């Protein structure tokens, strides 16, 4: 199917064509006609599937620019809120729609001023609820309410804020909820606050043709050295290194820079101005390696991303798929590289229980051992010190012979 077959209004279709998009994704094709009919929708789809366009296009078609606030989109993180706003702005290029962000970490007064002229607000639950309590935001006339990445919002503890926000909203609104998984919070919102919601599921599988997935096994105190070796060997144009904690993000980013690699950290401990500055540099190709936590990386739209490095293995297959789904998009090839030390094996076993995931077990290459001030990357264990370990002539060639996995190159074959 082509976008032209969806019979979009001309100014929206023209903006989409300007972006070079020709065919809607599965979630867009299934969802846009339903939302146009005014139905409540629960859309289940993975990251990178085009959910913003799925709800944004039909909402923008119905926005009356002569009126005030008509739509509220809630997102779990500031980065995702920024990205949704950017996408909606691109789709409304030929329609004068005022779209604003409201989230924490920045001043209230500029937001209060912007709210007065907004047609669409994209915000995080905490700050939106703050404005409602202060009386600086009125949702009595909104026509559309969207909960994006609802499962993640509820996992982050926003469910009470979301319920309070819904209580302030126009009772005759159209409600749309998008989620990678359908958890208890999603079920509760659907049953209590949605009217005969139409459920749409778009299965997104990892493309084995476009995305190569590999794992290396390494001792914990040598993991950073292997990461540096791989980055220097492969020289990715754009890559994300995923870490489990803020502390580890800072450790990896700082030491990558000290080893001549152009990297910057991204996590929730940074101010909004710092985070915005980092993303501007990333989009301008002034940064080639972004070291991030899962939460901070939610909703980031980084094109031409060729490599994903999992410095720590996530706990679930869903989080793993969410990470690796950021590469091998739009027909481009990509690679996901997993670095396993002794702490990661349990998580990897859980991931490999998902038989849609196939990861090659690659013999770890010889690499130069890097001396660092400390190999401790979390507050629980400070035993590893840079000079406490010796290596064979500065090299490591850990072959994984004591691996809990077989030496098969492809799991689940």
Protein backbone atom coordinates (compact mmCIF):
# COMPACT_ATOMS: atom_id res chain seq x y z
CA UNK A 1 0.00 0.00 0.00
CA UNK A 2 1.08 3.59 -0.73
CA UNK A 3 0.31 6.68 1.37
CA UNK A 4 -1.67 7.95 -1.60
CA UNK A 5 -4.08 5.04 -1.15
CA UNK A 6 -4.91 6.21 2.39
CA UNK A 7 -6.56 9.30 0.87
CA UNK A 8 -4.81 11.71 3.24
CA UNK A 9 -5.66 15.39 3.10
CA UNK A 10 -3.41 17.09 0.51
CA UNK A 11 -1.33 19.25 2.87
CA UNK A 12 -0.46 16.28 5.13
CA UNK A 13 0.29 14.00 2.17
CA UNK A 14 2.55 16.64 0.65
CA UNK A 15 4.56 16.91 3.90
CA UNK A 16 4.95 13.12 4.07
CA UNK A 17 6.14 13.03 0.46
CA UNK A 18 8.66 15.78 1.24
CA UNK A 19 10.12 13.44 3.88
CA UNK A 20 10.60 10.78 1.20
CA UNK A 21 8.08 8.33 2.68
CA UNK A 22 6.05 6.31 0.18
CA UNK A 23 4.61 3.33 2.03
CA UNK A 24 2.98 3.27 5.49
CA UNK A 25 4.25 0.80 8.08
CA UNK A 26 2.01 -2.00 9.28
CA UNK A 27 0.83 -0.13 12.37
CA UNK A 28 0.10 2.98 10.30
CA UNK A 29 -1.83 1.09 7.64
CA UNK A 30 -3.98 -0.65 10.26
CA UNK A 31 -4.46 2.26 12.65
CA UNK A 32 -4.98 5.43 10.59
CA UNK A 33 -8.37 4.40 9.14
CA UNK A 34 -9.65 3.35 12.58
CA UNK A 35 -8.61 6.61 14.27
CA UNK A 36 -10.20 8.57 11.43
CA UNK A 37 -13.51 6.93 12.31
CA UNK A 38 -13.29 8.35 15.84
CA UNK A 39 -12.71 5.03 17.60
CA UNK A 40 -10.56 4.52 20.68
CA UNK A 41 -7.47 2.49 19.81
CA UNK A 42 -4.93 0.28 21.58
CA UNK A 43 -1.97 -0.18 19.28
CA UNK A 44 0.68 -2.77 20.13
CA UNK A 45 3.89 -2.34 18.17
CA UNK A 46 7.63 -2.30 18.78
CA UNK A 47 9.97 0.66 18.58
CA UNK A 48 10.77 2.00 15.13
CA UNK A 49 7.41 0.93 13.72
CA UNK A 50 6.12 4.44 13.00
CA UNK A 51 3.67 4.87 15.86
CA UNK A 52 3.90 8.67 15.90
CA UNK A 53 2.64 8.86 12.33
CA UNK A 54 -0.03 6.26 13.13
CA UNK A 55 -1.75 8.59 15.59
CA UNK A 56 -0.27 11.91 14.46
CA UNK A 57 -1.49 11.92 10.86
CA UNK A 58 -5.22 11.42 11.60
CA UNK A 59 -5.07 13.86 14.53
CA UNK A 60 -3.40 16.55 12.42
CA UNK A 61 -6.03 16.06 9.72
CA UNK A 62 -8.76 16.92 12.25
CA UNK A 63 -7.04 19.82 14.05
CA UNK A 64 -8.90 23.11 13.56
CA UNK A 65 -6.20 25.81 13.60
CA UNK A 66 -8.81 28.50 14.41
CA UNK A 67 -9.40 26.90 17.81
CA UNK A 68 -7.24 26.31 20.88
CA UNK A 69 -5.85 23.19 22.51
CA UNK A 70 -7.31 20.04 20.96
CA UNK A 71 -4.84 17.21 21.61
CA UNK A 72 -2.59 15.96 24.40
CA UNK A 73 0.12 13.35 23.86
CA UNK A 74 1.77 11.83 26.95
CA UNK A 75 5.22 10.23 26.71
CA UNK A 76 7.44 8.66 29.40
CA UNK A 77 10.62 10.68 28.75
CA UNK A 78 11.64 14.15 27.70
CA UNK A 79 13.57 12.80 24.71
CA UNK A 80 10.56 10.92 23.40
CA UNK A 81 8.35 13.99 23.92
CA UNK A 82 10.83 16.06 21.91
CA UNK A 83 10.93 13.46 19.15
CA UNK A 84 7.14 13.22 18.91
CA UNK A 85 6.89 17.00 18.65
CA UNK A 86 9.51 17.03 15.91
CA UNK A 87 7.69 14.35 13.92
CA UNK A 88 4.30 16.06 14.28
CA UNK A 89 5.85 19.35 13.21
CA UNK A 90 7.25 17.66 10.08
CA UNK A 91 3.86 16.17 9.19
CA UNK A 92 2.13 19.56 9.70
CA UNK A 93 4.62 21.46 7.53
CA UNK A 94 1.85 22.86 5.33
CA UNK A 95 -0.70 23.30 8.11
CA UNK A 96 -0.20 26.01 10.71
CA UNK A 97 -0.41 23.82 13.78
CA UNK A 98 1.17 25.02 17.03
CA UNK A 99 2.78 22.02 18.75
CA UNK A 100 4.60 22.48 22.07
CA UNK A 101 6.47 20.39 24.63
CA UNK A 102 5.95 20.54 28.38
CA UNK A 103 8.24 18.50 30.63
CA UNK A 104 10.37 18.89 33.72
CA UNK A 105 13.91 20.18 33.95
CA UNK A 106 13.05 23.55 32.41
CA UNK A 107 11.20 26.63 33.67
CA UNK A 108 7.42 26.73 34.09
CA UNK A 109 6.77 30.30 32.94
CA UNK A 110 7.77 29.87 29.26
CA UNK A 111 5.57 26.76 29.15
CA UNK A 112 2.64 28.64 30.69
CA UNK A 113 2.97 31.26 27.96
CA UNK A 114 3.20 28.64 25.18
CA UNK A 115 0.18 26.67 26.39
CA UNK A 116 -2.11 29.61 25.66
CA UNK A 117 -1.62 29.31 21.90
CA UNK A 118 -1.07 25.54 21.55
CA UNK A 119 -3.15 23.22 19.39
CA UNK A 120 -1.25 20.09 20.46
CA UNK A 121 0.75 19.50 23.65
CA UNK A 122 3.31 16.70 23.93
CA UNK A 123 4.48 16.23 27.49
CA UNK A 124 5.59 13.97 30.30
CA UNK A 125 3.01 12.97 32.93
CA UNK A 126 4.69 14.66 35.90
CA UNK A 127 4.92 18.13 34.37
CA UNK A 128 1.50 17.92 32.68
CA UNK A 129 -0.09 17.05 36.02
CA UNK A 130 1.84 19.88 37.66
CA UNK A 131 0.31 22.38 35.21
CA UNK A 132 -3.16 20.96 35.79
CA UNK A 133 -2.85 21.34 39.56
CA UNK A 134 -1.63 24.91 39.13
CA UNK A 135 -4.53 25.74 36.83
CA UNK A 136 -2.20 26.73 33.99
CA UNK A 137 -3.49 23.95 31.71
CA UNK A 138 -7.11 23.18 30.81
CA UNK A 139 -8.07 19.90 29.14
CA UNK A 140 -11.85 20.36 29.12
CA UNK A 141 -11.96 20.93 25.37
CA UNK A 142 -9.40 18.43 24.10
CA UNK A 143 -10.63 16.04 21.43
CA UNK A 144 -7.68 13.62 21.42
CA UNK A 145 -5.66 11.99 24.20
CA UNK A 146 -2.68 9.78 23.32
CA UNK A 147 -0.64 7.64 25.71
CA UNK A 148 2.56 6.70 23.89
CA UNK A 149 4.80 3.89 25.19
CA UNK A 150 2.21 3.32 27.88
CA UNK A 151 3.93 0.22 29.26
CA UNK A 152 7.12 2.16 29.89
CA UNK A 153 5.20 5.03 31.54
CA UNK A 154 3.62 2.63 33.98
CA UNK A 155 6.90 0.80 34.64
CA UNK A 156 8.41 4.18 35.52
CA UNK A 157 5.68 4.82 38.11
CA UNK A 158 3.56 7.35 36.22
CA UNK A 159 0.28 5.45 36.35
CA UNK A 160 -1.21 7.58 39.16
CA UNK A 161 -0.30 10.80 37.33
CA UNK A 162 -1.86 9.42 34.15
CA UNK A 163 -5.09 8.57 35.96
CA UNK A 164 -5.22 12.06 37.46
CA UNK A 165 -4.62 13.66 34.05
CA UNK A 166 -7.38 11.60 32.45
CA UNK A 167 -9.70 12.82 35.20
CA UNK A 168 -9.11 16.42 34.06
CA UNK A 169 -9.75 15.62 30.39
CA UNK A 170 -12.87 16.10 28.31
CA UNK A 171 -15.10 13.05 28.79
CA UNK A 172 -16.03 12.99 25.09
CA UNK A 173 -12.46 12.74 23.87
CA UNK A 174 -11.00 10.05 21.61
CA UNK A 175 -8.35 8.04 23.48
CA UNK A 176 -5.41 6.25 21.84
CA UNK A 177 -2.86 4.13 23.64
CA UNK A 178 0.30 2.69 22.09
CA UNK A 179 2.47 0.15 23.83
CA UNK A 180 5.14 -2.43 23.01
CA UNK A 181 3.61 -4.79 25.57
CA UNK A 182 0.19 -5.04 27.17
CA UNK A 183 0.80 -5.06 30.92
CA UNK A 184 -1.53 -4.67 33.91
CA UNK A 185 -1.42 -0.88 33.75
CA UNK A 186 -2.40 -0.88 30.08
CA UNK A 187 -5.30 -3.25 30.80
CA UNK A 188 -6.50 -1.09 33.68
CA UNK A 189 -6.49 2.13 31.63
CA UNK A 190 -8.24 0.41 28.73
CA UNK A 191 -11.01 -1.04 30.89
CA UNK A 192 -11.58 2.06 32.99
CA UNK A 193 -11.02 4.99 30.66
CA UNK A 194 -11.52 3.80 27.07
CA UNK A 195 -14.74 3.13 25.19
CA UNK A 196 -14.88 -0.12 23.19
CA UNK A 197 -11.23 0.28 22.21
CA UNK A 198 -10.22 -1.28 18.91
CA UNK A 199 -7.12 -3.44 19.47
CA UNK A 200 -4.49 -3.43 16.75
CA UNK A 201 -1.32 -5.49 16.84
CA UNK A 202 1.52 -5.09 14.39
CA UNK A 203 4.16 -7.76 14.88
CA UNK A 204 7.62 -6.38 14.23
CA UNK A 205 10.32 -9.01 13.92
CA UNK A 206 14.06 -8.53 13.78
CA UNK A 207 15.18 -8.84 10.17
CA UNK A 208 17.76 -11.60 10.02
CA UNK A 209 18.70 -10.43 6.52
CA UNK A 210 19.50 -6.85 7.52
CA UNK A 211 20.56 -7.13 11.17
CA UNK A 212 23.46 -9.30 12.25
CA UNK A 213 23.56 -10.16 15.97
CA UNK A 214 26.74 -11.44 17.59
CA UNK A 215 28.09 -12.02 21.08
CA UNK A 216 31.60 -11.98 22.52
CA UNK A 217 32.45 -13.45 25.92
CA UNK A 218 35.01 -11.61 27.97
CA UNK A 219 36.18 -11.29 31.55
CA UNK A 220 34.64 -8.39 33.37
CA UNK A 221 37.88 -6.46 33.89
CA UNK A 222 38.68 -6.72 30.16
CA UNK A 223 35.27 -5.75 28.78
CA UNK A 224 36.09 -2.08 28.26
CA UNK A 225 39.30 -2.97 26.44
CA UNK A 226 37.35 -5.20 24.05
CA UNK A 227 34.82 -2.42 23.44
CA UNK A 228 37.59 -0.01 22.47
CA UNK A 229 39.16 -2.62 20.21
CA UNK A 230 35.87 -3.27 18.41
CA UNK A 231 35.05 0.41 17.94
CA UNK A 232 38.52 1.17 16.60
CA UNK A 233 38.42 -1.85 14.31
CA UNK A 234 34.94 -1.27 12.91
CA UNK A 235 35.00 2.55 13.05
CA UNK A 236 31.20 3.02 13.05
CA UNK A 237 29.87 6.28 11.69
CA UNK A 238 27.11 6.35 14.33
CA UNK A 239 26.64 3.94 17.23
CA UNK A 240 24.96 3.58 20.61
CA UNK A 241 26.63 1.82 23.53
CA UNK A 242 23.95 0.71 26.00
CA UNK A 243 24.84 0.49 29.70
CA UNK A 244 22.76 -0.59 32.66
CA UNK A 245 23.32 2.37 35.02
CA UNK A 246 24.15 6.07 34.95
CA UNK A 247 27.41 5.35 36.75
CA UNK A 248 28.44 2.87 34.09
CA UNK A 249 27.45 5.29 31.31
CA UNK A 250 29.74 7.93 32.79
CA UNK A 251 32.56 5.42 33.26
CA UNK A 252 32.40 4.12 29.69
CA UNK A 253 31.93 7.52 28.06
CA UNK A 254 34.72 9.19 30.01
CA UNK A 255 37.20 6.43 29.26
CA UNK A 256 36.25 6.19 25.59
CA UNK A 257 37.12 9.88 25.26
CA UNK A 258 40.41 9.37 27.09
CA UNK A 259 41.22 6.70 24.49
CA UNK A 260 40.58 9.02 21.56
CA UNK A 261 37.01 7.97 20.73
CA UNK A 262 34.45 10.71 20.08
CA UNK A 263 31.78 9.77 22.63
CA UNK A 264 29.31 11.47 24.96
CA UNK A 265 26.99 10.18 27.73
CA UNK A 266 23.21 10.41 27.87
CA UNK A 267 21.25 9.57 31.02
CA UNK A 268 18.59 10.98 33.30
CA UNK A 269 21.10 12.68 35.58
CA UNK A 270 21.92 15.32 32.96
CA UNK A 271 20.04 18.60 32.70
CA UNK A 272 17.67 19.12 29.80
CA UNK A 273 20.01 21.66 28.22
CA UNK A 274 22.86 19.15 28.39
CA UNK A 275 20.71 16.44 26.84
CA UNK A 276 19.51 18.73 24.06
CA UNK A 277 23.08 19.80 23.34
CA UNK A 278 24.25 16.19 23.10
CA UNK A 279 21.48 15.28 20.66
CA UNK A 280 22.19 18.35 18.51
CA UNK A 281 25.81 17.27 18.26
CA UNK A 282 24.75 13.73 17.42
CA UNK A 283 22.48 14.89 14.60
CA UNK A 284 25.24 17.18 13.32
CA UNK A 285 27.68 14.21 13.24
CA UNK A 286 29.91 15.88 15.83
CA UNK A 287 29.53 12.79 18.02
CA UNK A 288 29.96 9.28 16.67
CA UNK A 289 29.36 7.21 19.82
CA UNK A 290 26.46 7.81 22.22
CA UNK A 291 26.73 5.99 25.56
CA UNK A 292 23.26 5.75 27.09
CA UNK A 293 20.90 4.07 29.51
CA UNK A 294 17.71 2.50 28.18
CA UNK A 295 15.48 5.19 29.68
CA UNK A 296 17.47 8.09 28.26
CA UNK A 297 17.53 6.50 24.81
CA UNK A 298 13.75 6.02 24.65
CA UNK A 299 12.29 7.72 21.60
CA UNK A 300 15.57 8.89 20.10
CA UNK A 301 15.42 9.15 16.32
CA UNK A 302 18.99 8.71 15.08
CA UNK A 303 19.22 7.87 11.42
CA UNK A 304 22.05 5.94 9.79
CA UNK A 305 22.78 4.16 13.06
CA UNK A 306 24.93 1.20 12.04
CA UNK A 307 26.05 -0.34 15.33
CA UNK A 308 24.47 -1.18 18.68
CA UNK A 309 26.87 -2.27 21.45
CA UNK A 310 25.26 -3.88 24.48
CA UNK A 311 27.89 -3.25 27.15
CA UNK A 312 25.47 -4.79 29.63
CA UNK A 313 22.88 -7.35 28.57
CA UNK A 314 19.27 -6.28 29.31
CA UNK A 315 17.04 -8.42 31.51
CA UNK A 316 14.32 -9.24 28.99
CA UNK A 317 14.02 -10.08 25.30
CA UNK A 318 11.63 -7.13 24.86
CA UNK A 319 14.23 -4.67 26.08
CA UNK A 320 16.84 -6.37 23.93
CA UNK A 321 14.65 -6.06 20.83
CA UNK A 322 13.93 -2.44 21.71
CA UNK A 323 17.67 -1.71 21.77
CA UNK A 324 18.66 -3.51 18.61
CA UNK A 325 15.61 -2.22 16.74
CA UNK A 326 17.31 1.15 16.47
CA UNK A 327 19.57 -0.08 13.69
CA UNK A 328 18.85 -1.90 10.39
CA UNK A 329 15.98 0.46 9.60
CA UNK A 330 14.53 1.60 6.28
CA UNK A 331 16.29 -1.16 4.38
CA UNK A 332 19.76 -0.41 5.78
CA UNK A 333 21.98 -3.07 7.31
CA UNK A 334 23.10 -2.99 10.93
CA UNK A 335 24.88 -4.99 13.58
CA UNK A 336 24.14 -5.62 17.27
CA UNK A 337 27.21 -6.56 19.33
CA UNK A 338 26.76 -8.10 22.78
CA UNK A 339 29.62 -8.11 25.29
CA UNK A 340 29.09 -10.78 27.93
CA UNK A 341 31.00 -11.00 31.15
CA UNK A 342 30.25 -13.38 34.01
CA UNK A 343 27.35 -11.20 35.24
CA UNK A 344 25.47 -11.29 31.92
CA UNK A 345 24.89 -15.00 31.33
CA UNK A 346 21.54 -15.27 33.16
CA UNK A 347 20.09 -12.37 31.18
CA UNK A 348 21.36 -13.78 27.90
CA UNK A 349 19.74 -17.15 28.63
CA UNK A 350 16.39 -15.38 29.14
CA UNK A 351 16.81 -13.47 25.87
CA UNK A 352 17.64 -16.62 23.94
CA UNK A 353 14.41 -18.21 25.15
CA UNK A 354 12.77 -15.97 22.55
CA UNK A 355 13.24 -18.12 19.45
CA UNK A 356 12.83 -15.15 17.10
CA UNK A 357 16.26 -13.97 18.31
CA UNK A 358 19.34 -15.54 16.73
CA UNK A 359 22.74 -14.49 18.00
CA UNK A 360 26.05 -15.77 16.66
CA UNK A 361 28.58 -16.82 19.31
CA UNK A 362 31.85 -15.35 18.00
CA UNK A 363 35.30 -16.23 19.31
CA UNK A 364 36.72 -13.22 21.08
CA UNK A 365 39.66 -11.69 19.18
CA UNK A 366 42.99 -10.79 20.71
CA UNK A 367 42.97 -7.19 21.86
CA UNK A 368 45.21 -4.71 23.62
CA UNK A 369 44.63 -4.45 27.36
CA UNK A 370 43.92 -0.85 28.41
CA UNK A 371 45.10 0.33 31.81
CA UNK A 372 42.39 2.33 33.57
CA UNK A 373 42.23 4.01 37.00
CA UNK A 374 39.52 1.55 38.02
CA UNK A 375 37.49 -1.19 36.50
CA UNK A 376 34.71 -0.71 39.03
CA UNK A 377 31.56 0.46 37.26
CA UNK A 378 29.06 0.35 40.06
CA UNK A 379 28.99 1.14 43.74
CA UNK A 380 28.51 -2.49 44.76
CA UNK A 381 31.99 -3.69 43.88
CA UNK A 382 35.20 -1.69 44.05
CA UNK A 383 37.60 -4.63 43.97
CA UNK A 384 38.85 -4.23 40.41
CA UNK A 385 41.84 -1.89 40.12
CA UNK A 386 43.75 -1.16 36.97
CA UNK A 387 47.02 -2.81 37.97
CA UNK A 388 45.58 -5.79 39.83
CA UNK A 389 45.35 -7.94 36.74
CA UNK A 390 48.04 -9.20 34.43
CA UNK A 391 47.67 -10.25 30.83
CA UNK A 392 49.70 -12.18 28.34
CA UNK A 393 52.03 -9.53 26.88
CA UNK A 394 49.30 -6.93 27.07
CA UNK A 395 46.93 -9.07 25.06
CA UNK A 396 43.76 -10.92 25.93
CA UNK A 397 42.45 -13.86 24.01
CA UNK A 398 39.62 -15.14 26.19
CA UNK A 399 38.01 -17.76 23.98
CA UNK A 400 34.97 -18.52 26.05
CA UNK A 401 36.05 -22.14 26.56
CA UNK A 402 34.24 -22.13 29.91
CA UNK A 403 31.17 -20.58 28.34
CA UNK A 404 27.73 -21.75 29.48
CA UNK A 405 26.77 -21.69 25.78
CA UNK A 406 27.70 -24.07 23.03
CA UNK A 407 30.16 -22.99 20.35
CA UNK A 408 27.46 -23.09 17.73
CA UNK A 409 27.64 -19.97 15.59
CA UNK A 410 23.88 -19.56 15.53
CA UNK A 411 21.45 -20.26 18.34
CA UNK A 412 18.01 -21.77 17.61
CA UNK A 413 19.05 -22.98 14.17
